[in-house]
Amino acid sequence: VERLERVTRERFLRDIYPRRKPVVLTGLELGTCTTKWTVDYLSQAEGSKEVKIHVSAVPQMDFLSKNFVYRTLPFDVFVRRAAEVKHKEYFLTEDEKYYLRSVGEDVRKDIADIRKQFPILAEDVHIPEYFEKEQFFSSVFRISSAGLQLWTHYDVMDNFLIQVTGKKRVVLYSPRDAPYLYLSGTKSEVLDVDNPDLEKYPLFVKAKRYQCVLEAGDVLFIPALWFHNVISEEFGVALNVFWKHLPAESYDKTDTYGNKDPMAASRAIQILDRALKTLEELPEEYRDFYARRMVLRIQEKAYRNDYG
């Protein structure tokens, strides 16, 4: 993934954004958070308010099999535990991993917004506003234990992953490589992207891998629909900012995470499911023939020819 230094808003919107490819922006003005956010400062700043966290006995978290549990801890206790490698106090094992993904007050209705959930910390952050104010969707505060790996997934909105402290490795795949990622909804079944089980997932080798390492102060632009797998190489604090790339009415109103498919896409998938159900009325030979014709029609009508 390309790294570019001190990119202005104008240059980003003119040269980078239209390409719809990930890029690491370095040297941006992010505020005092990059120097202030030590474990001690974080603990004191937001005190003992309760936070809901993911706790996992293994480093690779899997959202499909749900190999983690949700627990609640006071924020200051959580920060200190997440920064430790071995724990004296723990829920599952002494080397369990912790992950906080901030959410709104009511998860079903409210989006994550650092200004509301962590107002004191929000004052330390200068978010690069390379989008219009009305396009803003959410700002998601994240803290991860060292070694934690999040499942590969896509989001339906553009976002900046701002690495405030610590170091992350991010592996990305183009939306075009979706056929090779063994998807279940927005998530890939391939957990270990470094050592995939190729007997189980033989097509995965065809997916072109993009990779970058984010140091403290780096900002990764992840365009909507790009798959990403995030590995925290150190204990770290990050902030994601999501914004709407499509007209506001394109998105599902009940989406608080920024990962529900656009309304038109959901409708199209429902219609396709109905069409496939209708094909079941035909004998196998006919079903196969008309299914192949449908695939050709979809390719002809909806595929892009200009993918780089």
Foldseek 3Di string as FASTA:
>chain_A
DAEEEPQALVCCVPPPVVVQDKYKYFDDCWFQLLPQPDLVNQCVQQDFDKAKKWKAPDQQQDPVVRRTDIDIGGRSVLSVQLQDQAQPDDDPHRRIKIKGKDADPDNQAAAAACCPPRVRSVVRTDDRPSDDPVQWQYKIKMWIHAFHKYFKFFFQFKKKKAWAAAKKKKKKFALVLVVQQCDDQRTGPQRPLPDGPCVVRVSVVVTDIDMDMDHHRMIMINHGSMIMMMHGNHTTIIMMITGHPDPPQQCDNRDRPRHDHGPVVVVVVVVVVVVLVVLVVDPPVVSVVVVVVVVVVCCVPPNDPPDD
